Amino acid sequence: MFRDLCYIIEGDIMAKIAPAKTLEEAYRYLNPLRPLQGEWLETFYVERPPDSRIDHLLEGLRMDISGDDKTLFSGQQGAGETTELNRLSQELQDSHILIFFSAEEMLNLGDIHYTDLLVLLGLQVYRKARAQGFAADDQKVRDLLVWYEEYLGRDETRRLQSEVSAEVNLGVVRFGTRLAQDAPFRARVRNYSEANLSDLLTHLNDLLTELHQRSNQHILVIVDGLDKIYDLRRAAELFLHGANALIAPACRIIYTVPFPLFYSHDFQQVRQQFHRNFLLPNVKVQERNGAPYELGREMLRQVLLRRVQEELITREALEALVEASGGLLRELLHLARLSVLFARNRKDTRITLEDVESARREVRNTFRRILKAEDYENLWKVYEGKSLANIPPEAADRLLHNLSILEYDGEIWWDVHPAVRDLLESAEDK
């Protein structure tokens, strides 16, 4: 079992990270919404099985010497995409200048346009250049910032020219917050950007080229959060109609995209505009024929055992959590965290099979509420055939989106979520 001690800083307190010794600690470490980064990545990350790794994406990035390739990256909700992107950043940090930001946190995903993305990307590059030692009066830095004066105003522009990096970072955050929340401001920025996009790209690429030449490193921008765009038509428009602009920056970019876009008719057109696309597979807990897939199961066991001591969970409970997750990492952590609460309610000091069954019942009920009567027939077909061939495409899209159906790699096959399988088998018994 993983025993190394690592450290995190919370406020000014230095705390050791080791597997949780109590259910209270376990609850904290089993946060399903916290991607792994920094010390949590070093402490809790578990290597994925060979058929669900990002290794061939990483190798493609290392072998491509162009330095301006663009990648579309996605995975089914809860597959661990952000954690894998953080790991990829870690692997490439010695050969690349990394710029990582979340569009979900800094843009309005319900009303997003490709110019919004490029305007924010430009400021992120400006921020990184300043952090790399570019002076505020450097010609290429100044040329890019001047482009923003039209709607930033002189006061905000002066703040971004500060020699204090924290002030520059805060200025970028303030701009993103206003762009996300202020619709009239967003419309004004968008109108100006569409009319002057070529100037923005010219100044942006001049700075990117200078940054590359001074550092002798590739620049890699990772735009996370775009996979959370819930309107598929808007996502298709962003990546199809905005493709020429999104591939224009003179650097490497990984754009996250919504998983359902890979199933849309527009995707063939979208993917041809970008250098590569990568879909992060779910971790298999069984083969297509139902035989247990031990590599996947062991990986999922270790995800839990690096966070909680073995003494806190019975072997039966551990196996039940792995089975109930369907290979979705977020679901695994969600179920484990629910199990902690049920164990606490029983006044116990460890998780038992009874707690996991209670957690599984809660998850099962969430599916019971969202599934329609006609969904069960389609889900039966997937359950029995491990294929989407016999169900309507629009039904498949919706059931994949709400995680009723999970996709697995290899020759690509599908199965229903374990909680959905419980519902199907329960209905059959009746």
Protein backbone atom coordinates (compact mmCIF):
# COMPACT_ATOMS: atom_id res chain seq x y z
CA MET A 1 0.00 0.00 0.00
CA PHE A 2 1.11 3.54 -0.75
CA ARG A 3 2.87 4.88 2.34
CA ASP A 4 4.95 7.86 1.24
CA LEU A 5 4.26 11.13 2.98
CA CYS A 6 3.81 14.30 0.97
CA TYR A 7 2.91 17.82 1.94
CA ILE A 8 0.33 20.44 1.13
CA ILE A 9 0.06 23.99 2.32
CA GLU A 10 -3.28 25.14 3.70
CA GLY A 11 -2.98 28.75 4.66
CA ASP A 12 0.28 28.93 6.53
CA ILE A 13 0.04 25.41 7.96
CA MET A 14 2.17 22.65 6.54
CA ALA A 15 0.26 19.36 6.74
CA LYS A 16 1.35 15.85 5.87
CA ILE A 17 -0.71 13.90 3.36
CA ALA A 18 -0.97 10.22 4.16
CA PRO A 19 -3.85 7.79 3.69
CA ALA A 20 -6.74 8.80 5.93
CA LYS A 21 -6.76 7.22 9.38
CA THR A 22 -10.29 8.33 10.26
CA LEU A 23 -13.58 8.59 8.40
CA GLU A 24 -13.42 12.37 8.82
CA GLU A 25 -10.12 12.49 6.96
CA ALA A 26 -11.42 10.00 4.41
CA TYR A 27 -14.39 12.23 3.64
CA ARG A 28 -12.02 15.08 2.85
CA TYR A 29 -9.69 13.02 0.66
CA LEU A 30 -12.56 11.40 -1.28
CA ASN A 31 -13.74 14.69 -2.80
CA PRO A 32 -15.06 13.66 -6.26
CA LEU A 33 -15.05 17.22 -7.61
CA ARG A 34 -11.39 18.00 -6.91
CA PRO A 35 -9.06 17.14 -9.81
CA LEU A 36 -5.58 16.06 -8.80
CA GLN A 37 -2.88 18.68 -9.07
CA GLY A 38 0.26 19.65 -7.21
CA GLU A 39 0.87 17.54 -4.14
CA TRP A 40 -2.46 15.76 -4.48
CA LEU A 41 -1.34 14.60 -7.93
CA GLU A 42 1.97 13.40 -6.53
CA THR A 43 0.29 11.62 -3.62
CA PHE A 44 -2.95 10.19 -4.95
CA TYR A 45 -2.42 9.62 -8.69
CA VAL A 46 -2.58 6.00 -9.86
CA GLU A 47 -1.34 4.92 -13.29
CA ARG A 48 -4.19 3.91 -15.56
CA PRO A 49 -4.27 0.54 -17.34
CA PRO A 50 -2.53 0.50 -20.75
CA ASP A 51 -5.78 0.73 -22.73
CA SER A 52 -6.97 3.89 -20.96
CA ARG A 53 -3.80 5.99 -20.69
CA ILE A 54 -2.90 9.22 -22.42
CA ASP A 55 0.50 7.82 -23.42
CA HIS A 56 -0.06 7.90 -27.17
CA LEU A 57 -1.30 11.51 -26.93
CA LEU A 58 1.81 12.37 -24.94
CA GLU A 59 4.02 10.60 -27.49
CA GLY A 60 2.30 12.42 -30.34
CA LEU A 61 3.00 15.76 -28.70
CA ARG A 62 6.64 14.84 -28.16
CA MET A 63 7.13 13.68 -31.74
CA ASP A 64 5.39 16.62 -33.40
CA ILE A 65 8.07 19.26 -33.91
CA SER A 66 5.82 21.87 -35.52
CA GLY A 67 5.08 23.59 -32.23
CA ASP A 68 1.69 24.90 -33.35
CA ASP A 69 -0.44 21.73 -33.43
CA LYS A 70 -3.97 21.82 -32.02
CA THR A 71 -5.65 18.94 -30.17
CA LEU A 72 -9.26 18.24 -29.24
CA PHE A 73 -9.47 16.38 -25.92
CA SER A 74 -12.50 14.85 -24.23
CA GLY A 75 -13.83 12.06 -22.07
CA GLN A 76 -17.11 10.99 -20.58
CA GLN A 77 -18.09 13.11 -17.58
CA GLY A 78 -16.18 11.91 -14.53
CA ALA A 79 -13.51 10.00 -16.46
CA GLY A 80 -10.71 12.09 -14.92
CA GLU A 81 -9.92 14.43 -17.83
CA THR A 82 -8.63 17.39 -15.80
CA THR A 83 -6.41 15.16 -13.68
CA GLU A 84 -4.93 13.60 -16.84
CA LEU A 85 -4.32 17.04 -18.32
CA ASN A 86 -2.55 18.04 -15.11
CA ARG A 87 -0.41 14.93 -15.41
CA LEU A 88 0.33 15.69 -19.06
CA SER A 89 1.40 19.19 -18.02
CA GLN A 90 3.73 17.69 -15.45
CA GLU A 91 5.28 15.38 -18.04
CA LEU A 92 5.90 18.26 -20.49
CA GLN A 93 6.94 20.99 -18.06
CA ASP A 94 10.66 20.64 -18.76
CA SER A 95 10.27 21.12 -22.52
CA HIS A 96 7.33 23.50 -22.68
CA ILE A 97 6.13 26.81 -21.31
CA LEU A 98 2.71 25.84 -19.96
CA ILE A 99 -0.38 28.03 -19.88
CA PHE A 100 -3.33 26.26 -18.24
CA PHE A 101 -6.69 27.95 -17.66
CA SER A 102 -10.31 26.95 -17.18
CA ALA A 103 -12.86 28.40 -19.58
CA GLU A 104 -15.55 27.18 -17.20
CA GLU A 105 -14.25 29.52 -14.50
CA MET A 106 -13.54 32.54 -16.71
CA LEU A 107 -16.17 32.51 -19.47
CA ASN A 108 -19.92 32.13 -19.75
CA LEU A 109 -20.34 28.65 -21.25
CA GLY A 110 -24.01 29.32 -21.90
CA ASP A 111 -23.06 32.17 -24.24
CA ILE A 112 -19.59 31.49 -25.59
CA HIS A 113 -18.09 32.60 -28.88
CA TYR A 114 -14.69 31.80 -30.34
CA THR A 115 -13.65 35.45 -30.05
CA ASP A 116 -14.29 35.34 -26.27
CA LEU A 117 -11.89 32.43 -26.06
CA LEU A 118 -9.17 34.08 -28.13
CA VAL A 119 -9.44 37.37 -26.25
CA LEU A 120 -8.99 35.56 -22.94
CA LEU A 121 -6.21 33.40 -24.39
CA GLY A 122 -4.38 36.56 -25.45
CA LEU A 123 -4.43 37.89 -21.89
CA GLN A 124 -3.25 34.55 -20.53
CA VAL A 125 -0.28 34.66 -22.92
CA TYR A 126 0.39 38.27 -21.85
CA ARG A 127 0.34 37.16 -18.19
CA LYS A 128 2.75 34.30 -18.87
CA ALA A 129 5.13 36.52 -20.85
CA ARG A 130 5.29 38.96 -17.95
CA ALA A 131 5.93 36.07 -15.57
CA GLN A 132 8.76 34.93 -17.88
CA GLY A 133 10.49 38.30 -17.49
CA PHE A 134 9.07 40.37 -20.35
CA ALA A 135 8.92 44.02 -19.31
CA ALA A 136 5.70 45.99 -19.62
CA ASP A 137 7.37 48.32 -22.14
CA ASP A 138 8.69 45.49 -24.32
CA GLN A 139 7.45 46.30 -27.82
CA LYS A 140 5.56 43.07 -28.46
CA VAL A 141 4.05 43.06 -24.97
CA ARG A 142 2.96 46.67 -25.38
CA ASP A 143 1.52 46.07 -28.85
CA LEU A 144 -0.69 43.27 -27.57
CA LEU A 145 -1.91 45.21 -24.55
CA VAL A 146 -2.70 48.29 -26.64
CA TRP A 147 -5.18 46.16 -28.58
CA TYR A 148 -7.13 45.64 -25.33
CA GLU A 149 -7.29 49.34 -24.38
CA GLU A 150 -10.44 49.85 -26.45
CA TYR A 151 -12.59 48.17 -23.81
CA LEU A 152 -10.26 47.75 -20.83
CA GLY A 153 -9.80 51.46 -20.28
CA ARG A 154 -6.59 53.14 -19.26
CA ASP A 155 -6.89 52.43 -15.53
CA GLU A 156 -7.27 48.69 -15.99
CA THR A 157 -4.54 48.71 -18.65
CA ARG A 158 -2.17 50.42 -16.21
CA ARG A 159 -2.90 47.71 -13.64
CA LEU A 160 -1.93 45.06 -16.18
CA GLN A 161 1.32 46.95 -16.76
CA SER A 162 2.22 46.61 -13.09
CA GLU A 163 5.56 45.08 -12.18
CA VAL A 164 3.79 43.12 -9.44
CA SER A 165 2.82 39.71 -10.83
CA ALA A 166 -0.09 39.32 -8.41
CA GLU A 167 -1.61 42.53 -9.75
CA VAL A 168 -1.26 41.30 -13.34
CA ASN A 169 -2.87 37.98 -12.45
CA LEU A 170 -5.70 39.75 -10.66
CA GLY A 171 -6.26 41.97 -13.69
CA VAL A 172 -6.68 38.93 -15.93
CA VAL A 173 -9.12 37.34 -13.48
CA ARG A 174 -11.13 40.56 -13.21
CA PHE A 175 -11.42 40.75 -16.97
CA GLY A 176 -12.55 37.12 -17.25
CA THR A 177 -15.13 37.60 -14.49
CA ARG A 178 -16.57 40.67 -16.19
CA LEU A 179 -16.61 38.93 -19.57
CA ALA A 180 -18.56 36.03 -18.03
CA GLN A 181 -21.04 38.05 -15.98
CA ASP A 182 -21.59 41.35 -17.83
CA ALA A 183 -23.61 40.65 -21.00
CA PRO A 184 -23.41 44.23 -22.44
CA PHE A 185 -19.63 44.24 -21.87
CA ARG A 186 -19.36 40.80 -23.49
CA ALA A 187 -21.30 42.02 -26.52
CA ARG A 188 -19.05 45.08 -26.85
CA VAL A 189 -15.88 42.99 -26.58
CA ARG A 190 -17.25 40.49 -29.09
CA ASN A 191 -18.18 43.15 -31.65
CA TYR A 192 -14.77 44.81 -31.38
CA SER A 193 -12.98 41.46 -31.52
CA GLU A 194 -14.79 40.24 -34.61
CA ALA A 195 -13.97 43.49 -36.42
CA ASN A 196 -10.32 43.49 -35.31
CA LEU A 197 -9.51 39.79 -34.94
CA SER A 198 -6.68 39.81 -37.46
CA ASP A 199 -4.89 42.51 -35.45
CA LEU A 200 -5.29 40.54 -32.23
CA LEU A 201 -3.89 37.39 -33.84
CA THR A 202 -0.98 39.31 -35.34
CA HIS A 203 0.05 40.82 -31.99
CA LEU A 204 -0.60 37.56 -30.16
CA ASN A 205 1.50 35.54 -32.57
CA ASP A 206 4.32 38.10 -32.49
CA LEU A 207 4.49 37.72 -28.71
CA LEU A 208 4.21 33.93 -28.86
CA THR A 209 7.05 33.77 -31.38
CA GLU A 210 9.24 36.02 -29.23
CA LEU A 211 8.42 33.92 -26.15
CA HIS A 212 9.40 30.76 -28.01
CA GLN A 213 12.65 32.25 -29.29
CA ARG A 214 13.76 33.62 -25.93
CA SER A 215 12.96 30.42 -24.02
CA ASN A 216 13.85 27.90 -26.74
CA GLN A 217 10.76 25.98 -25.62
CA HIS A 218 7.42 25.20 -27.19
CA ILE A 219 4.41 26.99 -25.72
CA LEU A 220 1.52 24.71 -24.75
CA VAL A 221 -1.85 26.22 -23.88
CA ILE A 222 -4.40 23.92 -22.26
CA VAL A 223 -7.96 25.23 -22.26
CA ASP A 224 -9.94 23.15 -19.78
CA GLY A 225 -13.66 23.39 -19.03
CA LEU A 226 -14.99 23.64 -22.59
CA ASP A 227 -16.22 20.06 -22.23
CA LYS A 228 -18.85 21.48 -19.84
CA ILE A 229 -20.68 23.33 -22.65
CA TYR A 230 -24.14 21.81 -22.30
CA ASP A 231 -25.59 23.14 -25.59
CA LEU A 232 -24.19 20.79 -28.23
CA ARG A 233 -25.19 23.11 -31.08
CA ARG A 234 -23.23 25.92 -29.47
CA ALA A 235 -20.22 23.65 -29.02
CA ALA A 236 -20.36 22.54 -32.66
CA GLU A 237 -20.61 26.15 -33.77
CA LEU A 238 -17.65 27.12 -31.59
CA PHE A 239 -15.33 24.46 -32.98
CA LEU A 240 -16.67 24.33 -36.54
CA HIS A 241 -17.34 27.95 -37.42
CA GLY A 242 -14.54 29.20 -35.20
CA ALA A 243 -12.00 26.57 -36.26
CA ASN A 244 -9.90 28.82 -38.49
CA ALA A 245 -9.47 31.33 -35.68
CA LEU A 246 -8.91 28.70 -32.96
CA ILE A 247 -6.07 27.07 -34.88
CA ALA A 248 -4.43 30.42 -35.71
CA PRO A 249 -2.36 31.08 -32.55
CA ALA A 250 1.31 30.20 -33.10
CA CYS A 251 1.56 27.70 -30.27
CA ARG A 252 0.33 24.27 -29.25
CA ILE A 253 -3.18 24.22 -27.84
CA ILE A 254 -5.26 21.46 -26.28
CA TYR A 255 -8.95 22.33 -26.29
CA THR A 256 -11.29 20.24 -24.19
CA VAL A 257 -14.57 19.52 -25.98
CA PRO A 258 -17.93 18.06 -24.86
CA PHE A 259 -18.01 14.28 -25.05
CA PRO A 260 -21.33 14.17 -27.00
CA LEU A 261 -19.70 16.20 -29.79
CA PHE A 262 -17.77 13.05 -30.73
CA TYR A 263 -21.12 11.44 -31.54
CA SER A 264 -22.54 14.34 -33.56
CA HIS A 265 -22.75 14.54 -37.34
CA ASP A 266 -20.72 17.75 -37.18
CA PHE A 267 -17.72 16.07 -35.58
CA GLN A 268 -16.26 14.72 -38.82
CA GLN A 269 -16.05 18.28 -40.09
CA VAL A 270 -14.74 19.58 -36.78
CA ARG A 271 -11.95 17.03 -36.37
CA GLN A 272 -10.58 17.65 -39.86
CA GLN A 273 -9.77 21.23 -38.85
CA PHE A 274 -7.51 20.14 -35.98
CA HIS A 275 -4.30 18.14 -35.90
CA ARG A 276 -5.52 15.39 -33.60
CA ASN A 277 -8.38 14.37 -31.34
CA PHE A 278 -8.16 12.25 -28.23
CA LEU A 279 -10.97 10.61 -26.26
CA LEU A 280 -9.93 9.51 -22.76
CA PRO A 281 -11.36 6.01 -22.26
CA ASN A 282 -13.20 4.96 -19.13
CA VAL A 283 -11.40 2.39 -17.00
CA LYS A 284 -12.80 -1.08 -17.66
CA VAL A 285 -13.85 -3.24 -14.73
CA GLN A 286 -14.80 -6.09 -17.05
CA GLU A 287 -14.30 -7.22 -20.61
CA ARG A 288 -17.04 -7.06 -23.20
CA ASN A 289 -17.86 -10.72 -22.52
CA GLY A 290 -18.33 -10.02 -18.82
CA ALA A 291 -15.02 -11.48 -17.62
CA PRO A 292 -13.44 -9.37 -14.84
CA TYR A 293 -10.69 -7.01 -16.06
CA GLU A 294 -8.21 -7.23 -13.21
CA LEU A 295 -5.91 -4.42 -14.37
CA GLY A 296 -8.76 -1.95 -14.23
CA ARG A 297 -10.08 -3.26 -10.94
CA GLU A 298 -6.68 -3.05 -9.26
CA MET A 299 -6.19 0.50 -10.48
CA LEU A 300 -9.54 1.52 -8.96
CA ARG A 301 -8.72 -0.25 -5.68
CA GLN A 302 -5.49 1.72 -5.47
CA VAL A 303 -7.31 5.01 -6.16
CA LEU A 304 -9.14 4.39 -2.88
CA LEU A 305 -6.29 2.85 -0.90
CA ARG A 306 -3.97 5.77 -1.59
CA ARG A 307 -6.57 7.99 0.05
CA VAL A 308 -7.77 5.81 2.94
CA GLN A 309 -6.04 3.21 5.08
CA GLU A 310 -7.07 -0.38 4.51
CA GLU A 311 -8.26 -0.57 8.09
CA LEU A 312 -11.04 1.91 7.25
CA ILE A 313 -12.76 -0.30 4.70
CA THR A 314 -13.59 -3.98 4.54
CA ARG A 315 -12.42 -6.01 1.56
CA GLU A 316 -16.04 -6.70 0.54
CA ALA A 317 -16.84 -2.99 0.62
CA LEU A 318 -13.76 -2.17 -1.46
CA GLU A 319 -14.71 -4.67 -4.15
CA ALA A 320 -18.31 -3.47 -4.16
CA LEU A 321 -17.21 0.14 -4.70
CA VAL A 322 -15.02 -0.86 -7.64
CA GLU A 323 -17.87 -2.82 -9.21
CA ALA A 324 -20.45 -0.08 -8.63
CA SER A 325 -18.28 2.65 -10.19
CA GLY A 326 -18.39 1.23 -13.71
CA GLY A 327 -14.83 2.54 -14.07
CA LEU A 328 -15.80 6.21 -13.68
CA LEU A 329 -13.31 7.76 -11.28
CA ARG A 330 -15.67 10.49 -10.10
CA GLU A 331 -18.40 7.93 -9.46
CA LEU A 332 -15.97 5.78 -7.49
CA LEU A 333 -15.08 8.69 -5.21
CA HIS A 334 -18.69 9.82 -4.96
CA LEU A 335 -19.83 6.35 -3.87
CA ALA A 336 -16.95 6.04 -1.41
CA ARG A 337 -17.74 9.43 0.11
CA LEU A 338 -21.42 8.55 0.47
CA SER A 339 -20.35 5.30 2.12
CA VAL A 340 -18.35 7.29 4.67
CA LEU A 341 -21.50 9.19 5.62
CA PHE A 342 -23.53 6.00 6.02
CA ALA A 343 -20.78 4.46 8.16
CA ARG A 344 -20.76 7.57 10.35
CA ASN A 345 -24.53 7.42 10.69
CA ARG A 346 -24.16 3.86 11.99
CA LYS A 347 -21.57 5.10 14.51
CA ASP A 348 -19.02 2.79 12.93
CA THR A 349 -15.34 3.54 12.34
CA ARG A 350 -15.01 1.82 8.98
CA ILE A 351 -16.90 1.34 5.71
CA THR A 352 -18.72 -1.97 5.31
CA LEU A 353 -20.66 -3.60 2.51
CA GLU A 354 -23.87 -2.32 4.09
CA ASP A 355 -22.67 1.28 3.63
CA VAL A 356 -21.73 0.71 -0.01
CA GLU A 357 -25.13 -0.84 -0.70
CA SER A 358 -26.78 2.25 0.81
CA ALA A 359 -24.63 4.53 -1.34
CA ARG A 360 -25.37 2.45 -4.41
CA ARG A 361 -29.09 2.75 -3.67
CA GLU A 362 -28.80 6.56 -3.65
CA VAL A 363 -27.07 6.57 -7.02
CA ARG A 364 -29.61 4.11 -8.37
CA ASN A 365 -32.40 6.44 -7.33
CA THR A 366 -30.87 9.36 -9.25
CA PHE A 367 -31.12 7.29 -12.42
CA ARG A 368 -34.62 6.13 -11.52
CA ARG A 369 -35.71 9.78 -11.45
CA ILE A 370 -34.26 10.79 -14.82
CA LEU A 371 -34.99 7.73 -16.94
CA LYS A 372 -38.17 7.63 -19.00
CA ALA A 373 -40.25 4.53 -19.60
CA GLU A 374 -39.04 4.26 -23.20
CA ASP A 375 -35.41 4.46 -22.08
CA TYR A 376 -35.54 1.04 -20.47
CA GLU A 377 -36.09 -0.75 -23.79
CA ASN A 378 -33.08 1.01 -25.32
CA LEU A 379 -30.94 0.34 -22.27
CA TRP A 380 -31.81 -3.36 -22.37
CA LYS A 381 -30.54 -3.50 -25.95
CA VAL A 382 -27.24 -1.94 -24.93
CA TYR A 383 -26.95 -4.17 -21.87
CA GLU A 384 -27.48 -7.33 -23.89
CA GLY A 385 -25.58 -6.40 -27.07
CA LYS A 386 -22.88 -4.02 -25.75
CA SER A 387 -23.63 -1.92 -28.82
CA LEU A 388 -25.49 1.24 -29.82
CA ALA A 389 -26.46 -0.15 -33.21
CA ASN A 390 -30.05 -0.98 -32.28
CA ILE A 391 -31.10 2.23 -30.55
CA PRO A 392 -31.98 5.64 -32.08
CA PRO A 393 -29.00 8.05 -32.27
CA GLU A 394 -30.81 10.78 -30.36
CA ALA A 395 -31.54 8.33 -27.53
CA ALA A 396 -27.91 7.18 -27.50
CA ASP A 397 -26.69 10.79 -27.29
CA ARG A 398 -28.91 11.56 -24.31
CA LEU A 399 -28.15 8.33 -22.44
CA LEU A 400 -24.41 8.75 -22.97
CA HIS A 401 -24.63 12.34 -21.78
CA ASN A 402 -26.43 11.42 -18.53
CA LEU A 403 -24.06 8.46 -17.96
CA SER A 404 -26.74 5.79 -18.27
CA ILE A 405 -24.50 4.33 -21.00
CA LEU A 406 -20.72 4.15 -20.62
CA GLU A 407 -18.21 3.78 -23.43
CA TYR A 408 -15.15 1.55 -23.22
CA ASP A 409 -12.13 1.44 -25.47
CA GLY A 410 -10.43 -1.30 -27.41
CA GLU A 411 -12.72 -2.02 -30.32
CA ILE A 412 -15.14 0.42 -28.65
CA TRP A 413 -18.08 -1.14 -26.88
CA TRP A 414 -20.72 0.11 -24.54
CA ASP A 415 -22.46 -1.01 -21.38
CA VAL A 416 -25.01 0.44 -19.00
CA HIS A 417 -24.00 2.09 -15.74
CA PRO A 418 -24.01 -0.47 -12.88
CA ALA A 419 -26.85 1.43 -11.17
CA VAL A 420 -28.87 1.23 -14.39
CA ARG A 421 -28.10 -2.47 -14.60
CA ASP A 422 -29.61 -2.84 -11.11
CA LEU A 423 -32.78 -1.12 -12.32
CA LEU A 424 -33.02 -3.31 -15.41
CA GLU A 425 -32.54 -6.51 -13.45
CA SER A 426 -35.02 -5.36 -10.82
CA ALA A 427 -37.61 -4.65 -13.52
CA GLU A 428 -37.02 -8.06 -15.06
CA ASP A 429 -37.58 -9.79 -11.71
CA LYS A 430 -40.96 -8.12 -11.47
